[in-house]
Every structure is written in C-alpha cells, then in structure tokens.
Amino acid sequence: MAEKTLDTLFHDTLKDIHHAERKILKSLPKMQRAAQAPELKAAFGKHKDGTGGQIERL
C-alpha cells in the first residue's frame, strides 16, 4: 500500500465529511415530517438549511 501524504489524508477526510453531510441532508426532511413538536420541526428545518451551506462550502 502506498504511503499517504497529509494532503491525501486531508482530501479523503473532506470526501468523508461531504458524504456524511449529504446523508444527513437526505434524512432531515423525513425527521422534520415525523417530528410532532413545532419547535423540533423548526429546528430540523434550520439544521437542513445549515447543512446545505456546509455542503456548498465543502
């Protein structure tokens, strides 16, 4: 196996984070619909907006 550089490790980590954020973004609308408390629905919506911004930055 080839030795990984810090640059390679950094990019691999960014890819992992990007993948995780996309999975979260896909799940948040389902969680928002399932929530019964209005505050929780709003929190999921706010989190969805923030997660979209994170994906754009990544």
Protein backbone atom coordinates (compact mmCIF):
# COMPACT_ATOMS: atom_id res chain seq x y z
CA MET A 1 0.00 0.00 0.00
CA ALA A 2 1.31 3.43 -0.92
CA GLU A 3 2.19 5.83 1.84
CA LYS A 4 -0.42 8.56 2.23
CA THR A 5 0.59 12.18 2.40
CA LEU A 6 -1.08 14.74 4.63
CA ASP A 7 -2.66 16.24 1.52
CA THR A 8 -4.18 12.89 0.55
CA LEU A 9 -5.45 12.28 4.07
CA PHE A 10 -6.97 15.77 4.15
CA HIS A 11 -8.82 15.22 0.87
CA ASP A 12 -10.02 11.78 1.97
CA THR A 13 -11.38 13.31 5.17
CA LEU A 14 -13.17 16.06 3.23
CA LYS A 15 -14.77 13.42 1.00
CA ASP A 16 -15.96 11.50 4.08
CA ILE A 17 -17.40 14.66 5.63
CA HIS A 18 -19.11 15.60 2.37
CA HIS A 19 -20.68 12.15 2.14
CA ALA A 20 -21.91 12.34 5.74
CA GLU A 21 -23.41 15.81 5.21
CA ARG A 22 -25.27 14.62 2.10
CA LYS A 23 -26.70 11.65 4.03
CA ILE A 24 -27.82 13.97 6.83
CA LEU A 25 -29.40 16.36 4.32
CA LYS A 26 -31.37 13.47 2.84
CA SER A 27 -32.60 12.35 6.29
CA LEU A 28 -33.55 15.73 7.75
CA PRO A 29 -36.82 16.22 5.79
CA LYS A 30 -38.02 12.80 6.94
CA MET A 31 -37.15 13.64 10.53
CA GLN A 32 -38.88 17.02 10.18
CA ARG A 33 -42.09 15.39 8.92
CA ALA A 34 -42.01 12.82 11.73
CA ALA A 35 -41.49 15.40 14.48
CA GLN A 36 -44.60 16.32 16.42
CA ALA A 37 -43.37 19.32 18.39
CA PRO A 38 -43.37 22.55 16.35
CA GLU A 39 -40.06 23.59 17.90
CA LEU A 40 -38.46 20.35 16.78
CA LYS A 41 -39.85 20.71 13.25
CA ALA A 42 -38.39 24.22 13.09
CA ALA A 43 -35.03 23.02 14.44
CA PHE A 44 -34.82 20.31 11.76
CA GLY A 45 -35.63 22.91 9.10
CA LYS A 46 -32.95 25.25 10.38
CA HIS A 47 -30.45 22.41 10.54
CA LYS A 48 -31.32 21.46 6.95
CA ASP A 49 -30.50 24.99 5.79
CA GLY A 50 -27.19 24.94 7.63
CA THR A 51 -26.29 21.54 6.27
CA GLY A 52 -26.94 22.74 2.71
CA GLY A 53 -24.48 25.57 3.32
CA GLN A 54 -21.91 23.14 4.67
CA ILE A 55 -22.17 21.00 1.54
CA GLU A 56 -21.65 24.06 -0.67
CA ARG A 57 -18.53 25.03 1.28
CA LEU A 58 -17.12 21.52 1.09
